[in-house]
Amino acid sequence: DGMCYAEESLKRGLKIDTFAQRLSFFWDVHNEFFEEIAKLRAARRMWAHIMRDRFHAKKERSWWLRCHCQTAGVSLTEQQPMVNIIRVAYQALAAVLGGTQSLHTNSMDETLALPTENAVKIALRTQQIIADETGVTRTVDPLGGSYFVEWLTSDVQRRAQELIDHIYNTYGGVLPATEAGYFRRAIADSSARYGAEFDRGARIMIGVNKHVEHDFERI
């Protein structure tokens, strides 16, 4: 989508270095801890190459990927809602370790109703503890150099590039791919795979298909 915005802006006569620095991305951060970190690292690497090599941006700031992250509301459960605090904390930490510029943490009770004031405060305190108590913000890319994180980052980048190449080679770009229903089908297929994994127990959701309790209020 970011490439499509850039292409359409260039068609209208704008210069790449005029608007590239103002583009930003919005990411959901899910439970697969290292994969989510790698996703942000891979995106940052890819965007720099796209801006510099594909669109020939000259300013270094144009190569930077700015992003906001939100913990994944879809991962929260109505069963044992207090457990959602733990999910949100790990998702938020993954976003920070991945290098997000800003962050939203979901409240534990969003699957039940509008968040209560206490739940919102816990979500806020989760961010504040990560920022002020853990020390993870004192260095840039703290997991850089980890053999697993570096391998996973490259793997995510490779798979993402394959998708981009497929969209451009098969459909000719994002707009025709959208009109052809590619993205809708891809999302539906992903949802179906996720549901099938959950149903056969290959994907675990604590409190839902493992460590289940009948009283939703108990941990």
N, C-alpha and C. Protein backbone atom coordinates (compact mmCIF):
# COMPACT_ATOMS: atom_id res chain seq x y z
N ASP A 1 0.82 -1.21 0.00
CA ASP A 1 0.00 0.00 0.00
C ASP A 1 0.86 1.27 0.00
N GLY A 2 1.94 1.24 0.76
CA GLY A 2 2.83 2.40 0.78
C GLY A 2 3.44 2.67 -0.57
N MET A 3 3.79 1.62 -1.28
CA MET A 3 4.31 1.77 -2.64
C MET A 3 3.25 2.36 -3.55
N CYS A 4 2.01 1.92 -3.38
CA CYS A 4 0.92 2.42 -4.21
C CYS A 4 0.70 3.91 -3.97
N TYR A 5 0.72 4.32 -2.71
CA TYR A 5 0.58 5.75 -2.40
C TYR A 5 1.70 6.55 -3.06
N ALA A 6 2.92 6.01 -3.00
CA ALA A 6 4.05 6.71 -3.60
C ALA A 6 3.87 6.81 -5.12
N GLU A 7 3.46 5.72 -5.75
CA GLU A 7 3.27 5.72 -7.20
C GLU A 7 2.20 6.72 -7.63
N GLU A 8 1.09 6.73 -6.91
CA GLU A 8 0.00 7.64 -7.27
C GLU A 8 0.40 9.09 -7.06
N SER A 9 1.18 9.36 -6.00
CA SER A 9 1.63 10.73 -5.75
C SER A 9 2.60 11.20 -6.82
N LEU A 10 3.48 10.30 -7.26
CA LEU A 10 4.42 10.65 -8.33
C LEU A 10 3.68 10.93 -9.63
N LYS A 11 2.62 10.18 -9.90
CA LYS A 11 1.83 10.43 -11.11
C LYS A 11 1.22 11.83 -11.11
N ARG A 12 0.97 12.34 -9.93
CA ARG A 12 0.36 13.67 -9.80
C ARG A 12 1.38 14.79 -9.73
N GLY A 13 2.65 14.45 -9.96
CA GLY A 13 3.69 15.46 -10.10
C GLY A 13 4.44 15.79 -8.83
N LEU A 14 4.16 15.10 -7.72
CA LEU A 14 4.91 15.35 -6.50
C LEU A 14 6.30 14.73 -6.58
N LYS A 15 7.25 15.30 -5.88
CA LYS A 15 8.61 14.76 -5.81
C LYS A 15 8.68 13.81 -4.62
N ILE A 16 9.39 12.70 -4.79
CA ILE A 16 9.42 11.66 -3.78
C ILE A 16 9.92 12.19 -2.44
N ASP A 17 10.96 13.03 -2.45
CA ASP A 17 11.51 13.53 -1.19
C ASP A 17 10.62 14.59 -0.56
N THR A 18 9.60 15.04 -1.28
CA THR A 18 8.68 16.01 -0.72
C THR A 18 7.68 15.36 0.23
N PHE A 19 7.24 14.14 -0.12
CA PHE A 19 6.18 13.53 0.69
C PHE A 19 6.59 12.24 1.40
N ALA A 20 7.69 11.62 1.00
CA ALA A 20 8.05 10.31 1.56
C ALA A 20 8.27 10.37 3.07
N GLN A 21 8.81 11.49 3.55
CA GLN A 21 9.09 11.61 4.97
C GLN A 21 7.82 11.68 5.81
N ARG A 22 6.67 11.91 5.18
CA ARG A 22 5.41 12.05 5.91
C ARG A 22 4.59 10.77 5.90
N LEU A 23 5.04 9.76 5.16
CA LEU A 23 4.33 8.49 5.14
C LEU A 23 4.59 7.73 6.44
N SER A 24 3.57 7.04 6.93
CA SER A 24 3.74 6.24 8.14
C SER A 24 2.86 5.00 8.04
N PHE A 25 3.19 4.01 8.84
CA PHE A 25 2.52 2.72 8.79
C PHE A 25 1.89 2.38 10.14
N PHE A 26 0.87 1.54 10.09
CA PHE A 26 0.14 1.11 11.27
C PHE A 26 0.17 -0.42 11.31
N TRP A 27 0.71 -0.96 12.39
CA TRP A 27 0.86 -2.41 12.49
C TRP A 27 0.09 -2.96 13.69
N ASP A 28 -0.57 -4.10 13.49
CA ASP A 28 -1.04 -4.91 14.61
C ASP A 28 0.13 -5.78 15.07
N VAL A 29 0.23 -5.97 16.38
CA VAL A 29 1.29 -6.84 16.92
C VAL A 29 0.61 -7.98 17.67
N HIS A 30 0.92 -9.20 17.24
CA HIS A 30 0.23 -10.39 17.74
C HIS A 30 1.11 -11.16 18.74
N ASN A 31 0.76 -12.41 18.97
CA ASN A 31 1.38 -13.17 20.07
C ASN A 31 2.69 -13.84 19.71
N GLU A 32 2.96 -14.06 18.43
CA GLU A 32 4.18 -14.76 18.02
C GLU A 32 5.36 -13.81 18.20
N PHE A 33 5.96 -13.85 19.37
CA PHE A 33 6.84 -12.78 19.87
C PHE A 33 7.96 -12.42 18.90
N PHE A 34 8.81 -13.38 18.57
CA PHE A 34 9.96 -13.08 17.72
C PHE A 34 9.53 -12.74 16.28
N GLU A 35 8.47 -13.38 15.82
CA GLU A 35 8.01 -13.08 14.46
C GLU A 35 7.54 -11.63 14.35
N GLU A 36 6.88 -11.12 15.39
CA GLU A 36 6.41 -9.74 15.36
C GLU A 36 7.58 -8.76 15.37
N ILE A 37 8.60 -9.06 16.13
CA ILE A 37 9.81 -8.23 16.12
C ILE A 37 10.44 -8.26 14.73
N ALA A 38 10.57 -9.45 14.17
CA ALA A 38 11.17 -9.60 12.85
C ALA A 38 10.34 -8.88 11.79
N LYS A 39 9.03 -8.89 11.95
CA LYS A 39 8.14 -8.21 10.98
C LYS A 39 8.48 -6.73 10.89
N LEU A 40 8.65 -6.08 12.02
CA LEU A 40 8.96 -4.65 12.03
C LEU A 40 10.37 -4.40 11.49
N ARG A 41 11.31 -5.24 11.86
CA ARG A 41 12.68 -5.08 11.37
C ARG A 41 12.74 -5.28 9.87
N ALA A 42 12.03 -6.31 9.37
CA ALA A 42 12.03 -6.57 7.93
C ALA A 42 11.37 -5.44 7.17
N ALA A 43 10.27 -4.92 7.70
CA ALA A 43 9.57 -3.81 7.03
C ALA A 43 10.47 -2.59 6.93
N ARG A 44 11.20 -2.31 7.98
CA ARG A 44 12.09 -1.14 7.98
C ARG A 44 13.20 -1.32 6.93
N ARG A 45 13.72 -2.51 6.86
CA ARG A 45 14.78 -2.81 5.89
C ARG A 45 14.24 -2.69 4.46
N MET A 46 13.06 -3.26 4.24
CA MET A 46 12.48 -3.25 2.91
C MET A 46 12.13 -1.84 2.46
N TRP A 47 11.56 -1.05 3.36
CA TRP A 47 11.15 0.31 2.99
C TRP A 47 12.34 1.16 2.60
N ALA A 48 13.45 0.98 3.30
CA ALA A 48 14.65 1.73 2.94
C ALA A 48 15.09 1.40 1.52
N HIS A 49 15.09 0.11 1.16
CA HIS A 49 15.47 -0.29 -0.18
C HIS A 49 14.47 0.21 -1.22
N ILE A 50 13.19 0.13 -0.89
CA ILE A 50 12.14 0.58 -1.82
C ILE A 50 12.27 2.07 -2.11
N MET A 51 12.45 2.84 -1.07
CA MET A 51 12.55 4.29 -1.25
C MET A 51 13.81 4.68 -2.01
N ARG A 52 14.91 4.03 -1.67
CA ARG A 52 16.19 4.41 -2.27
C ARG A 52 16.35 3.84 -3.67
N ASP A 53 16.02 2.56 -3.86
CA ASP A 53 16.33 1.88 -5.13
C ASP A 53 15.18 1.92 -6.13
N ARG A 54 13.94 1.85 -5.65
CA ARG A 54 12.80 1.83 -6.56
C ARG A 54 12.34 3.24 -6.90
N PHE A 55 12.28 4.10 -5.88
CA PHE A 55 11.76 5.45 -6.10
C PHE A 55 12.85 6.53 -6.12
N HIS A 56 14.10 6.12 -5.88
CA HIS A 56 15.26 7.00 -6.03
C HIS A 56 15.17 8.23 -5.12
N ALA A 57 14.69 8.01 -3.90
CA ALA A 57 14.69 9.10 -2.91
C ALA A 57 16.13 9.41 -2.52
N LYS A 58 16.44 10.68 -2.40
CA LYS A 58 17.81 11.10 -2.11
C LYS A 58 18.04 11.39 -0.62
N LYS A 59 17.01 11.85 0.05
CA LYS A 59 17.16 12.22 1.45
C LYS A 59 17.05 10.98 2.34
N GLU A 60 17.96 10.89 3.31
CA GLU A 60 17.97 9.74 4.19
C GLU A 60 16.66 9.62 4.97
N ARG A 61 16.08 10.73 5.36
CA ARG A 61 14.81 10.69 6.10
C ARG A 61 13.69 10.05 5.27
N SER A 62 13.81 10.12 3.97
CA SER A 62 12.81 9.49 3.11
C SER A 62 12.89 7.97 3.15
N TRP A 63 14.04 7.46 3.57
CA TRP A 63 14.22 6.01 3.63
C TRP A 63 13.67 5.42 4.93
N TRP A 64 13.45 6.27 5.92
CA TRP A 64 13.04 5.78 7.24
C TRP A 64 11.59 5.30 7.21
N LEU A 65 11.32 4.20 7.88
CA LEU A 65 9.96 3.73 8.04
C LEU A 65 9.45 4.16 9.42
N ARG A 66 8.47 5.03 9.40
CA ARG A 66 7.83 5.46 10.64
C ARG A 66 6.60 4.59 10.87
N CYS A 67 6.40 4.13 12.11
CA CYS A 67 5.24 3.26 12.32
C CYS A 67 4.65 3.42 13.71
N HIS A 68 3.36 3.17 13.76
CA HIS A 68 2.61 3.08 15.01
C HIS A 68 2.16 1.64 15.17
N CYS A 69 2.20 1.11 16.37
CA CYS A 69 1.78 -0.26 16.62
C CYS A 69 0.64 -0.30 17.63
N GLN A 70 -0.25 -1.26 17.44
CA GLN A 70 -1.31 -1.52 18.40
C GLN A 70 -1.31 -3.01 18.70
N THR A 71 -1.45 -3.33 19.98
CA THR A 71 -1.56 -4.73 20.34
C THR A 71 -2.82 -5.31 19.70
N ALA A 72 -2.80 -6.60 19.43
CA ALA A 72 -3.82 -7.21 18.58
C ALA A 72 -5.10 -7.50 19.38
N GLY A 73 -6.12 -6.69 19.16
CA GLY A 73 -7.39 -6.91 19.82
C GLY A 73 -7.99 -8.26 19.48
N VAL A 74 -7.72 -8.76 18.28
CA VAL A 74 -8.27 -10.04 17.85
C VAL A 74 -7.71 -11.20 18.67
N SER A 75 -6.60 -10.99 19.33
CA SER A 75 -5.98 -12.05 20.13
C SER A 75 -6.55 -12.13 21.54
N LEU A 76 -7.35 -11.16 21.93
CA LEU A 76 -7.89 -11.13 23.29
C LEU A 76 -9.10 -12.05 23.39
N THR A 77 -9.34 -12.59 24.57
CA THR A 77 -10.43 -13.54 24.77
C THR A 77 -11.37 -13.06 25.86
N GLU A 78 -12.65 -13.43 25.72
CA GLU A 78 -13.60 -13.13 26.78
C GLU A 78 -13.44 -14.10 27.93
N GLN A 79 -12.95 -15.31 27.64
CA GLN A 79 -12.66 -16.25 28.71
C GLN A 79 -11.41 -15.79 29.47
N GLN A 80 -11.49 -15.82 30.78
CA GLN A 80 -10.36 -15.44 31.63
C GLN A 80 -9.75 -14.10 31.18
N PRO A 81 -10.52 -13.04 31.18
CA PRO A 81 -10.06 -11.78 30.61
C PRO A 81 -8.82 -11.20 31.28
N MET A 82 -8.57 -11.54 32.55
CA MET A 82 -7.36 -11.04 33.20
C MET A 82 -6.10 -11.52 32.50
N VAL A 83 -6.18 -12.68 31.84
CA VAL A 83 -5.03 -13.21 31.12
C VAL A 83 -4.66 -12.29 29.95
N ASN A 84 -5.61 -11.52 29.47
CA ASN A 84 -5.32 -10.59 28.37
C ASN A 84 -4.26 -9.57 28.75
N ILE A 85 -4.14 -9.26 30.03
CA ILE A 85 -3.10 -8.34 30.48
C ILE A 85 -1.72 -8.88 30.09
N ILE A 86 -1.55 -10.19 30.25
CA ILE A 86 -0.27 -10.81 29.93
C ILE A 86 -0.03 -10.77 28.42
N ARG A 87 -1.06 -11.09 27.65
CA ARG A 87 -0.92 -11.05 26.19
C ARG A 87 -0.51 -9.65 25.73
N VAL A 88 -1.21 -8.65 26.22
CA VAL A 88 -0.95 -7.28 25.80
C VAL A 88 0.48 -6.87 26.17
N ALA A 89 0.94 -7.28 27.34
CA ALA A 89 2.29 -6.91 27.77
C ALA A 89 3.35 -7.47 26.84
N TYR A 90 3.21 -8.74 26.47
CA TYR A 90 4.20 -9.34 25.57
C TYR A 90 4.11 -8.73 24.17
N GLN A 91 2.91 -8.46 23.70
CA GLN A 91 2.77 -7.83 22.39
C GLN A 91 3.38 -6.43 22.39
N ALA A 92 3.15 -5.68 23.46
CA ALA A 92 3.72 -4.34 23.56
C ALA A 92 5.24 -4.39 23.60
N LEU A 93 5.78 -5.34 24.33
CA LEU A 93 7.23 -5.49 24.40
C LEU A 93 7.80 -5.84 23.03
N ALA A 94 7.12 -6.70 22.29
CA ALA A 94 7.59 -7.04 20.94
C ALA A 94 7.60 -5.82 20.05
N ALA A 95 6.58 -4.96 20.16
CA ALA A 95 6.54 -3.74 19.35
C ALA A 95 7.71 -2.83 19.68
N VAL A 96 8.02 -2.70 20.96
CA VAL A 96 9.13 -1.83 21.37
C VAL A 96 10.46 -2.41 20.90
N LEU A 97 10.65 -3.71 21.09
CA LEU A 97 11.90 -4.33 20.64
C LEU A 97 12.03 -4.30 19.13
N GLY A 98 10.89 -4.24 18.43
CA GLY A 98 10.92 -4.14 16.98
C GLY A 98 11.16 -2.73 16.48
N GLY A 99 11.07 -1.73 17.37
CA GLY A 99 11.41 -0.36 17.00
C GLY A 99 10.24 0.53 16.65
N THR A 100 9.06 0.29 17.22
CA THR A 100 7.94 1.16 16.92
C THR A 100 8.18 2.58 17.44
N GLN A 101 7.59 3.56 16.75
CA GLN A 101 7.72 4.95 17.19
C GLN A 101 6.61 5.35 18.18
N SER A 102 5.47 4.70 18.09
CA SER A 102 4.38 4.96 19.04
C SER A 102 3.59 3.68 19.22
N LEU A 103 2.79 3.65 20.28
CA LEU A 103 2.21 2.38 20.69
C LEU A 103 0.86 2.59 21.35
N HIS A 104 -0.08 1.70 21.03
CA HIS A 104 -1.36 1.64 21.73
C HIS A 104 -1.51 0.24 22.33
N THR A 105 -1.82 0.18 23.62
CA THR A 105 -2.06 -1.10 24.28
C THR A 105 -3.55 -1.27 24.55
N ASN A 106 -4.08 -2.42 24.15
CA ASN A 106 -5.50 -2.69 24.34
C ASN A 106 -5.80 -2.99 25.80
N SER A 107 -7.04 -2.75 26.18
CA SER A 107 -7.49 -3.04 27.54
C SER A 107 -7.96 -4.49 27.63
N MET A 108 -7.82 -5.06 28.81
CA MET A 108 -8.08 -6.49 28.99
C MET A 108 -9.54 -6.87 28.76
N ASP A 109 -10.47 -5.94 28.92
CA ASP A 109 -11.89 -6.27 28.88
C ASP A 109 -12.57 -5.81 27.59
N GLU A 110 -11.81 -5.51 26.55
CA GLU A 110 -12.40 -5.00 25.31
C GLU A 110 -13.26 -6.04 24.60
N THR A 111 -13.05 -7.32 24.89
CA THR A 111 -13.88 -8.34 24.27
C THR A 111 -15.26 -8.43 24.92
N LEU A 112 -15.43 -7.80 26.07
CA LEU A 112 -16.69 -7.89 26.80
C LEU A 112 -17.56 -6.65 26.64
N ALA A 113 -16.93 -5.48 26.60
CA ALA A 113 -17.68 -4.22 26.55
C ALA A 113 -16.68 -3.09 26.34
N LEU A 114 -17.16 -1.85 26.40
CA LEU A 114 -16.24 -0.73 26.40
C LEU A 114 -15.33 -0.85 27.61
N PRO A 115 -14.05 -0.55 27.46
CA PRO A 115 -13.11 -0.75 28.56
C PRO A 115 -13.48 0.06 29.80
N THR A 116 -13.27 -0.55 30.95
CA THR A 116 -13.46 0.16 32.20
C THR A 116 -12.26 1.07 32.45
N GLU A 117 -12.43 2.04 33.32
CA GLU A 117 -11.35 2.97 33.64
C GLU A 117 -10.15 2.22 34.21
N ASN A 118 -10.40 1.23 35.05
CA ASN A 118 -9.30 0.48 35.65
C ASN A 118 -8.54 -0.31 34.58
N ALA A 119 -9.26 -0.91 33.63
CA ALA A 119 -8.61 -1.67 32.57
C ALA A 119 -7.76 -0.77 31.69
N VAL A 120 -8.27 0.42 31.39
CA VAL A 120 -7.51 1.38 30.59
C VAL A 120 -6.24 1.79 31.32
N LYS A 121 -6.33 1.97 32.63
CA LYS A 121 -5.15 2.37 33.40
C LYS A 121 -4.10 1.27 33.40
N ILE A 122 -4.54 0.01 33.51
CA ILE A 122 -3.58 -1.10 33.47
C ILE A 122 -2.88 -1.14 32.10
N ALA A 123 -3.64 -0.91 31.03
CA ALA A 123 -3.03 -0.88 29.69
C ALA A 123 -1.99 0.23 29.59
N LEU A 124 -2.32 1.38 30.15
CA LEU A 124 -1.37 2.49 30.14
C LEU A 124 -0.14 2.18 30.98
N ARG A 125 -0.35 1.62 32.16
CA ARG A 125 0.78 1.28 33.04
C ARG A 125 1.68 0.23 32.39
N THR A 126 1.12 -0.64 31.56
CA THR A 126 1.93 -1.62 30.85
C THR A 126 2.97 -0.92 29.98
N GLN A 127 2.53 0.09 29.24
CA GLN A 127 3.47 0.87 28.43
C GLN A 127 4.50 1.57 29.30
N GLN A 128 4.05 2.16 30.40
CA GLN A 128 4.95 2.94 31.25
C GLN A 128 6.00 2.07 31.92
N ILE A 129 5.62 0.85 32.30
CA ILE A 129 6.60 -0.06 32.89
C ILE A 129 7.66 -0.45 31.86
N ILE A 130 7.21 -0.75 30.63
CA ILE A 130 8.18 -1.08 29.57
C ILE A 130 9.12 0.10 29.32
N ALA A 131 8.56 1.30 29.30
CA ALA A 131 9.36 2.49 28.99
C ALA A 131 10.31 2.88 30.11
N ASP A 132 9.87 2.76 31.35
CA ASP A 132 10.62 3.35 32.46
C ASP A 132 11.29 2.35 33.39
N GLU A 133 10.91 1.07 33.34
CA GLU A 133 11.46 0.12 34.30
C GLU A 133 12.31 -0.98 33.67
N THR A 134 12.03 -1.35 32.42
CA THR A 134 12.71 -2.52 31.84
C THR A 134 14.07 -2.19 31.23
N GLY A 135 14.29 -0.95 30.84
CA GLY A 135 15.56 -0.57 30.22
C GLY A 135 15.66 -0.90 28.74
N VAL A 136 14.60 -1.44 28.13
CA VAL A 136 14.71 -1.87 26.73
C VAL A 136 14.76 -0.69 25.77
N THR A 137 14.41 0.49 26.23
CA THR A 137 14.41 1.66 25.34
C THR A 137 15.76 2.37 25.33
N ARG A 138 16.72 1.87 26.06
CA ARG A 138 18.01 2.57 26.18
C ARG A 138 18.96 2.28 25.04
N THR A 139 18.59 1.39 24.15
CA THR A 139 19.45 1.07 23.02
C THR A 139 18.59 0.84 21.78
N VAL A 140 19.16 1.11 20.64
CA VAL A 140 18.45 0.91 19.38
C VAL A 140 18.61 -0.54 18.93
N ASP A 141 17.53 -1.16 18.52
CA ASP A 141 17.54 -2.51 17.98
C ASP A 141 18.30 -3.47 18.91
N PRO A 142 17.81 -3.65 20.14
CA PRO A 142 18.56 -4.44 21.12
C PRO A 142 18.74 -5.90 20.76
N LEU A 143 17.89 -6.44 19.86
CA LEU A 143 18.03 -7.84 19.46
C LEU A 143 18.83 -8.00 18.17
N GLY A 144 19.32 -6.90 17.61
CA GLY A 144 20.16 -6.97 16.43
C GLY A 144 21.41 -7.80 16.71
N GLY A 145 21.72 -8.73 15.82
CA GLY A 145 22.87 -9.62 16.01
C GLY A 145 22.50 -10.98 16.53
N SER A 146 21.29 -11.12 17.07
CA SER A 146 20.81 -12.44 17.47
C SER A 146 20.67 -13.31 16.22
N TYR A 147 21.29 -14.48 16.22
CA TYR A 147 21.27 -15.30 15.00
C TYR A 147 19.84 -15.63 14.60
N PHE A 148 18.96 -15.90 15.59
CA PHE A 148 17.59 -16.28 15.27
C PHE A 148 16.80 -15.09 14.76
N VAL A 149 16.92 -13.95 15.43
CA VAL A 149 16.17 -12.76 15.00
C VAL A 149 16.64 -12.29 13.63
N GLU A 150 17.94 -12.33 13.39
CA GLU A 150 18.45 -11.92 12.08
C GLU A 150 17.97 -12.88 10.99
N TRP A 151 18.01 -14.19 11.26
CA TRP A 151 17.52 -15.16 10.28
C TRP A 151 16.03 -14.96 10.02
N LEU A 152 15.25 -14.78 11.09
CA LEU A 152 13.80 -14.62 10.95
C LEU A 152 13.47 -13.32 10.21
N THR A 153 14.21 -12.26 10.49
CA THR A 153 14.00 -11.00 9.78
C THR A 153 14.20 -11.18 8.29
N SER A 154 15.27 -11.86 7.92
CA SER A 154 15.54 -12.10 6.50
C SER A 154 14.48 -13.01 5.88
N ASP A 155 13.99 -13.98 6.64
CA ASP A 155 12.97 -14.88 6.13
C ASP A 155 11.65 -14.14 5.90
N VAL A 156 11.28 -13.30 6.86
CA VAL A 156 10.06 -12.49 6.70
C VAL A 156 10.21 -11.56 5.50
N GLN A 157 11.38 -10.95 5.35
CA GLN A 157 11.62 -10.06 4.22
C GLN A 157 11.49 -10.82 2.89
N ARG A 158 12.05 -12.01 2.83
CA ARG A 158 11.99 -12.80 1.61
C ARG A 158 10.54 -13.14 1.26
N ARG A 159 9.78 -13.59 2.24
CA ARG A 159 8.39 -13.97 2.00
C ARG A 159 7.54 -12.75 1.61
N ALA A 160 7.81 -11.63 2.26
CA ALA A 160 7.06 -10.41 1.93
C ALA A 160 7.38 -9.95 0.51
N GLN A 161 8.65 -10.06 0.13
CA GLN A 161 9.04 -9.65 -1.22
C GLN A 161 8.38 -10.55 -2.26
N GLU A 162 8.23 -11.84 -1.94
CA GLU A 162 7.54 -12.75 -2.85
C GLU A 162 6.09 -12.32 -3.06
N LEU A 163 5.44 -11.86 -1.99
CA LEU A 163 4.06 -11.38 -2.11
C LEU A 163 3.99 -10.12 -2.96
N ILE A 164 4.92 -9.20 -2.72
CA ILE A 164 4.95 -7.96 -3.52
C ILE A 164 5.18 -8.28 -4.99
N ASP A 165 6.13 -9.17 -5.26
CA ASP A 165 6.42 -9.54 -6.64
C ASP A 165 5.20 -10.19 -7.29
N HIS A 166 4.50 -11.02 -6.53
CA HIS A 166 3.29 -11.67 -7.06
C HIS A 166 2.23 -10.64 -7.40
N ILE A 167 2.04 -9.66 -6.54
CA ILE A 167 1.02 -8.63 -6.77
C ILE A 167 1.34 -7.83 -8.03
N TYR A 168 2.60 -7.48 -8.22
CA TYR A 168 2.98 -6.66 -9.38
C TYR A 168 3.07 -7.50 -10.65
N ASN A 169 3.59 -8.71 -10.54
CA ASN A 169 3.77 -9.54 -11.74
C ASN A 169 2.45 -10.12 -12.23
N THR A 170 1.56 -10.44 -11.30
CA THR A 170 0.30 -11.08 -11.67
C THR A 170 -0.79 -10.07 -11.98
N TYR A 171 -0.87 -9.00 -11.16
CA TYR A 171 -1.97 -8.05 -11.28
C TYR A 171 -1.55 -6.69 -11.83
N GLY A 172 -0.27 -6.38 -11.72
CA GLY A 172 0.20 -5.09 -12.20
C GLY A 172 0.18 -4.00 -11.15
N GLY A 173 -0.03 -4.37 -9.89
CA GLY A 173 0.00 -3.36 -8.83
C GLY A 173 -1.12 -3.57 -7.82
N VAL A 174 -1.13 -2.69 -6.82
CA VAL A 174 -2.05 -2.83 -5.71
C VAL A 174 -3.49 -2.55 -6.12
N LEU A 175 -3.72 -1.49 -6.89
CA LEU A 175 -5.09 -1.13 -7.26
C LEU A 175 -5.77 -2.23 -8.09
N PRO A 176 -5.14 -2.73 -9.16
CA PRO A 176 -5.79 -3.82 -9.89
C PRO A 176 -5.92 -5.10 -9.06
N ALA A 177 -4.97 -5.34 -8.14
CA ALA A 177 -5.09 -6.51 -7.27
C ALA A 177 -6.29 -6.37 -6.33
N THR A 178 -6.51 -5.15 -5.85
CA THR A 178 -7.67 -4.89 -5.00
C THR A 178 -8.96 -5.10 -5.77
N GLU A 179 -9.01 -4.57 -6.98
CA GLU A 179 -10.21 -4.71 -7.81
C GLU A 179 -10.48 -6.16 -8.16
N ALA A 180 -9.42 -6.96 -8.25
CA ALA A 180 -9.58 -8.38 -8.57
C ALA A 180 -9.92 -9.22 -7.34
N GLY A 181 -9.95 -8.59 -6.17
CA GLY A 181 -10.30 -9.31 -4.95
C GLY A 181 -9.17 -10.07 -4.30
N TYR A 182 -7.93 -9.78 -4.71
CA TYR A 182 -6.78 -10.53 -4.18
C TYR A 182 -6.66 -10.40 -2.67
N PHE A 183 -6.72 -9.19 -2.17
CA PHE A 183 -6.50 -8.98 -0.73
C PHE A 183 -7.63 -9.57 0.09
N ARG A 184 -8.85 -9.43 -0.40
CA ARG A 184 -9.99 -10.01 0.32
C ARG A 184 -9.85 -11.53 0.42
N ARG A 185 -9.44 -12.16 -0.69
CA ARG A 185 -9.26 -13.61 -0.67
C ARG A 185 -8.11 -14.02 0.25
N ALA A 186 -7.02 -13.25 0.20
CA ALA A 186 -5.86 -13.58 1.03
C ALA A 186 -6.21 -13.50 2.51
N ILE A 187 -6.96 -12.47 2.90
CA ILE A 187 -7.38 -12.34 4.29
C ILE A 187 -8.32 -13.48 4.69
N ALA A 188 -9.26 -13.80 3.82
CA ALA A 188 -10.20 -14.89 4.10
C ALA A 188 -9.46 -16.23 4.23
N ASP A 189 -8.49 -16.47 3.34
CA ASP A 189 -7.72 -17.72 3.40
C ASP A 189 -6.91 -17.80 4.69
N SER A 190 -6.30 -16.68 5.08
CA SER A 190 -5.53 -16.65 6.31
C SER A 190 -6.42 -16.92 7.52
N SER A 191 -7.60 -16.31 7.52
CA SER A 191 -8.53 -16.53 8.61
C SER A 191 -8.97 -17.99 8.69
N ALA A 192 -9.20 -18.59 7.53
CA ALA A 192 -9.61 -20.00 7.50
C ALA A 192 -8.50 -20.91 8.03
N ARG A 193 -7.25 -20.62 7.64
CA ARG A 193 -6.13 -21.43 8.13
C ARG A 193 -5.99 -21.29 9.64
N TYR A 194 -6.14 -20.06 10.12
CA TYR A 194 -6.04 -19.80 11.56
C TYR A 194 -7.11 -20.59 12.31
N GLY A 195 -8.34 -20.53 11.81
CA GLY A 195 -9.43 -21.22 12.46
C GLY A 195 -9.24 -22.73 12.47
N ALA A 196 -8.74 -23.27 11.35
CA ALA A 196 -8.51 -24.70 11.27
C ALA A 196 -7.41 -25.15 12.24
N GLU A 197 -6.36 -24.36 12.35
CA GLU A 197 -5.29 -24.67 13.30
C GLU A 197 -5.82 -24.65 14.73
N PHE A 198 -6.67 -23.70 15.02
CA PHE A 198 -7.25 -23.59 16.35
C PHE A 198 -8.16 -24.79 16.64
N ASP A 199 -8.96 -25.18 15.67
CA ASP A 199 -9.92 -26.27 15.87
C ASP A 199 -9.22 -27.60 16.13
N ARG A 200 -8.09 -27.85 15.46
CA ARG A 200 -7.42 -29.13 15.65
C ARG A 200 -6.36 -29.08 16.75
N GLY A 201 -6.26 -27.93 17.44
CA GLY A 201 -5.34 -27.82 18.57
C GLY A 201 -3.91 -27.50 18.20
N ALA A 202 -3.65 -27.21 16.92
CA ALA A 202 -2.30 -26.85 16.51
C ALA A 202 -1.94 -25.44 16.95
N ARG A 203 -2.94 -24.61 17.15
CA ARG A 203 -2.74 -23.25 17.66
C ARG A 203 -3.44 -23.16 19.02
N ILE A 204 -2.68 -22.77 20.02
CA ILE A 204 -3.18 -22.77 21.40
C ILE A 204 -3.66 -21.37 21.80
N MET A 205 -4.81 -21.33 22.45
CA MET A 205 -5.30 -20.11 23.08
C MET A 205 -5.66 -20.45 24.52
N ILE A 206 -4.83 -19.95 25.43
CA ILE A 206 -5.02 -20.27 26.84
C ILE A 206 -6.39 -19.80 27.31
N GLY A 207 -7.10 -20.70 27.97
CA GLY A 207 -8.42 -20.37 28.48
C GLY A 207 -9.54 -20.68 27.51
N VAL A 208 -9.17 -20.95 26.25
CA VAL A 208 -10.18 -21.23 25.23
C VAL A 208 -10.12 -22.68 24.78
N ASN A 209 -8.94 -23.14 24.35
CA ASN A 209 -8.81 -24.54 23.99
C ASN A 209 -7.71 -25.26 24.78
N LYS A 210 -7.19 -24.60 25.81
CA LYS A 210 -6.26 -25.23 26.73
C LYS A 210 -6.35 -24.50 28.07
N HIS A 211 -6.24 -25.27 29.16
CA HIS A 211 -6.41 -24.70 30.51
C HIS A 211 -7.75 -23.96 30.61
N VAL A 212 -8.79 -24.63 30.16
CA VAL A 212 -10.13 -24.04 30.12
C VAL A 212 -10.76 -24.10 31.51
N GLU A 213 -11.44 -23.04 31.89
CA GLU A 213 -12.22 -22.99 33.12
C GLU A 213 -13.62 -22.51 32.80
N HIS A 214 -14.57 -22.96 33.57
CA HIS A 214 -15.96 -22.60 33.30
C HIS A 214 -16.29 -21.22 33.83
N ASP A 215 -15.58 -20.76 34.84
CA ASP A 215 -15.82 -19.43 35.40
C ASP A 215 -14.92 -18.43 34.72
N PHE A 216 -15.47 -17.56 33.85
CA PHE A 216 -14.67 -16.63 33.06
C PHE A 216 -13.92 -15.63 33.92
N GLU A 217 -14.38 -15.40 35.14
CA GLU A 217 -13.75 -14.37 35.96
C GLU A 217 -12.50 -14.89 36.69
N ARG A 218 -12.30 -16.19 36.68
CA ARG A 218 -11.16 -16.75 37.38
C ARG A 218 -9.95 -16.86 36.46
N ILE A 219 -8.77 -16.72 37.01
CA ILE A 219 -7.54 -16.95 36.27
C ILE A 219 -7.16 -18.43 36.39
